[in-house]
Amino acid sequence: MVVRYRPSGVEALSATPADGYSVRVEQPGGPLVVNFRNAAGRLSRLEATWNDGPTAKVIEQ
């Protein structure tokens, strides 16, 4: 996963899933959200924003 941070917004430059995972990139005008999911339903989610500097949160489910 490669993310570009700028004060004007965050952009996913690449999101290549590992074998057995799918990827979905969402950016509906807000934070960048990237969901990696495997066939068993395991989710790894990256939420990236620019709030006076780069911020990111990873959620494992």
N, C-alpha and C. Protein backbone atom coordinates (compact mmCIF):
# COMPACT_ATOMS: atom_id res chain seq x y z
N MET A 1 0.85 -1.16 0.00
CA MET A 1 0.00 0.00 0.00
C MET A 1 0.90 1.23 0.00
N VAL A 2 0.65 2.11 -0.95
CA VAL A 2 1.38 3.38 -1.01
C VAL A 2 0.36 4.50 -0.98
N VAL A 3 0.54 5.41 -0.03
CA VAL A 3 -0.39 6.53 0.16
C VAL A 3 0.38 7.83 0.02
N ARG A 4 -0.20 8.80 -0.68
CA ARG A 4 0.38 10.14 -0.79
C ARG A 4 -0.44 11.08 0.09
N TYR A 5 0.25 11.73 1.01
CA TYR A 5 -0.38 12.71 1.89
C TYR A 5 -0.04 14.11 1.41
N ARG A 6 -1.05 14.99 1.37
CA ARG A 6 -0.87 16.40 1.06
C ARG A 6 -1.90 17.17 1.87
N PRO A 7 -1.63 18.43 2.17
CA PRO A 7 -2.64 19.22 2.88
C PRO A 7 -3.98 19.27 2.13
N SER A 8 -3.95 19.12 0.81
CA SER A 8 -5.19 19.15 0.03
C SER A 8 -5.93 17.82 0.03
N GLY A 9 -5.32 16.76 0.55
CA GLY A 9 -6.00 15.46 0.61
C GLY A 9 -5.04 14.30 0.58
N VAL A 10 -5.60 13.13 0.69
CA VAL A 10 -4.85 11.87 0.73
C VAL A 10 -5.24 11.05 -0.49
N GLU A 11 -4.26 10.38 -1.09
CA GLU A 11 -4.51 9.62 -2.32
C GLU A 11 -3.82 8.27 -2.24
N ALA A 12 -4.51 7.22 -2.67
CA ALA A 12 -3.90 5.89 -2.78
C ALA A 12 -3.16 5.82 -4.11
N LEU A 13 -1.85 5.57 -4.06
CA LEU A 13 -1.07 5.42 -5.29
C LEU A 13 -1.04 3.98 -5.75
N SER A 14 -1.06 3.04 -4.80
CA SER A 14 -1.17 1.62 -5.15
C SER A 14 -1.75 0.87 -3.96
N ALA A 15 -2.46 -0.19 -4.26
CA ALA A 15 -3.05 -1.04 -3.23
C ALA A 15 -3.10 -2.46 -3.79
N THR A 16 -2.01 -3.17 -3.65
CA THR A 16 -1.90 -4.52 -4.19
C THR A 16 -2.13 -5.52 -3.07
N PRO A 17 -3.20 -6.32 -3.15
CA PRO A 17 -3.48 -7.26 -2.07
C PRO A 17 -2.54 -8.47 -2.10
N ALA A 18 -2.34 -9.05 -0.92
CA ALA A 18 -1.59 -10.30 -0.82
C ALA A 18 -2.43 -11.43 -1.43
N ASP A 19 -1.78 -12.55 -1.73
CA ASP A 19 -2.51 -13.70 -2.28
C ASP A 19 -3.67 -14.06 -1.37
N GLY A 20 -4.84 -14.27 -1.96
CA GLY A 20 -6.02 -14.67 -1.20
C GLY A 20 -6.84 -13.51 -0.66
N TYR A 21 -6.39 -12.27 -0.89
CA TYR A 21 -7.12 -11.08 -0.43
C TYR A 21 -7.63 -10.28 -1.62
N SER A 22 -8.73 -9.58 -1.39
CA SER A 22 -9.23 -8.61 -2.37
C SER A 22 -9.05 -7.23 -1.75
N VAL A 23 -9.09 -6.21 -2.58
CA VAL A 23 -8.93 -4.84 -2.08
C VAL A 23 -10.01 -3.95 -2.67
N ARG A 24 -10.48 -3.01 -1.84
CA ARG A 24 -11.46 -2.01 -2.30
C ARG A 24 -11.01 -0.65 -1.73
N VAL A 25 -10.83 0.31 -2.61
CA VAL A 25 -10.42 1.66 -2.22
C VAL A 25 -11.63 2.56 -2.29
N GLU A 26 -11.88 3.28 -1.20
CA GLU A 26 -13.01 4.21 -1.13
C GLU A 26 -12.48 5.60 -0.80
N GLN A 27 -13.00 6.60 -1.47
CA GLN A 27 -12.66 7.96 -1.12
C GLN A 27 -13.83 8.85 -1.55
N PRO A 28 -14.92 8.79 -0.79
CA PRO A 28 -16.12 9.53 -1.16
C PRO A 28 -16.07 11.00 -0.74
N GLY A 29 -14.93 11.68 -0.99
CA GLY A 29 -14.82 13.08 -0.63
C GLY A 29 -14.36 13.30 0.80
N GLY A 30 -14.05 12.24 1.51
CA GLY A 30 -13.57 12.34 2.88
C GLY A 30 -12.25 11.65 3.02
N PRO A 31 -12.07 10.92 4.12
CA PRO A 31 -10.80 10.21 4.31
C PRO A 31 -10.63 9.09 3.29
N LEU A 32 -9.40 8.72 3.06
CA LEU A 32 -9.10 7.57 2.22
C LEU A 32 -9.33 6.32 3.05
N VAL A 33 -10.10 5.38 2.52
CA VAL A 33 -10.37 4.11 3.20
C VAL A 33 -10.01 2.99 2.24
N VAL A 34 -9.16 2.07 2.71
CA VAL A 34 -8.76 0.92 1.90
C VAL A 34 -9.08 -0.33 2.70
N ASN A 35 -9.89 -1.21 2.11
CA ASN A 35 -10.30 -2.46 2.76
C ASN A 35 -9.64 -3.64 2.06
N PHE A 36 -8.89 -4.43 2.82
CA PHE A 36 -8.34 -5.69 2.34
C PHE A 36 -9.12 -6.80 3.05
N ARG A 37 -9.68 -7.75 2.26
CA ARG A 37 -10.49 -8.81 2.84
C ARG A 37 -10.10 -10.14 2.21
N ASN A 38 -10.07 -11.21 3.05
CA ASN A 38 -9.79 -12.53 2.51
C ASN A 38 -11.08 -13.32 2.39
N ALA A 39 -11.00 -14.53 1.83
CA ALA A 39 -12.20 -15.34 1.59
C ALA A 39 -12.90 -15.74 2.87
N ALA A 40 -12.17 -15.82 3.98
CA ALA A 40 -12.77 -16.17 5.27
C ALA A 40 -13.44 -14.98 5.94
N GLY A 41 -13.34 -13.80 5.32
CA GLY A 41 -14.01 -12.62 5.87
C GLY A 41 -13.13 -11.74 6.75
N ARG A 42 -11.87 -12.10 6.94
CA ARG A 42 -10.97 -11.25 7.74
C ARG A 42 -10.76 -9.92 7.02
N LEU A 43 -10.88 -8.83 7.77
CA LEU A 43 -10.78 -7.49 7.21
C LEU A 43 -9.62 -6.74 7.83
N SER A 44 -8.80 -6.13 6.98
CA SER A 44 -7.78 -5.18 7.40
C SER A 44 -8.16 -3.87 6.71
N ARG A 45 -8.38 -2.82 7.51
CA ARG A 45 -8.90 -1.56 6.99
C ARG A 45 -7.93 -0.44 7.35
N LEU A 46 -7.54 0.35 6.35
CA LEU A 46 -6.70 1.53 6.56
C LEU A 46 -7.56 2.76 6.35
N GLU A 47 -7.55 3.66 7.32
CA GLU A 47 -8.23 4.95 7.20
C GLU A 47 -7.15 6.02 7.29
N ALA A 48 -6.96 6.82 6.24
CA ALA A 48 -5.92 7.83 6.19
C ALA A 48 -6.53 9.20 5.92
N THR A 49 -6.07 10.20 6.67
CA THR A 49 -6.56 11.57 6.52
C THR A 49 -5.40 12.55 6.70
N TRP A 50 -5.67 13.80 6.38
CA TRP A 50 -4.75 14.90 6.67
C TRP A 50 -5.47 15.83 7.62
N ASN A 51 -5.04 15.88 8.87
CA ASN A 51 -5.60 16.76 9.88
C ASN A 51 -4.44 17.51 10.53
N ASP A 52 -4.06 18.64 9.98
CA ASP A 52 -2.88 19.37 10.44
C ASP A 52 -1.63 18.49 10.37
N GLY A 53 -1.63 17.52 9.49
CA GLY A 53 -0.54 16.58 9.29
C GLY A 53 -1.11 15.21 8.96
N PRO A 54 -0.27 14.29 8.52
CA PRO A 54 -0.75 12.97 8.12
C PRO A 54 -1.17 12.14 9.33
N THR A 55 -2.30 11.46 9.19
CA THR A 55 -2.77 10.54 10.22
C THR A 55 -3.26 9.27 9.54
N ALA A 56 -3.15 8.15 10.24
CA ALA A 56 -3.63 6.88 9.72
C ALA A 56 -4.05 5.99 10.86
N LYS A 57 -5.04 5.15 10.59
CA LYS A 57 -5.53 4.19 11.58
C LYS A 57 -5.74 2.87 10.84
N VAL A 58 -5.28 1.77 11.44
CA VAL A 58 -5.48 0.43 10.88
C VAL A 58 -6.41 -0.32 11.82
N ILE A 59 -7.44 -0.93 11.22
CA ILE A 59 -8.43 -1.70 11.99
C ILE A 59 -8.37 -3.13 11.48
N GLU A 60 -8.21 -4.08 12.38
CA GLU A 60 -8.20 -5.51 12.06
C GLU A 60 -9.46 -6.14 12.61
N GLN A 61 -10.21 -6.85 11.77
CA GLN A 61 -11.44 -7.52 12.21
C GLN A 61 -11.45 -8.95 11.74
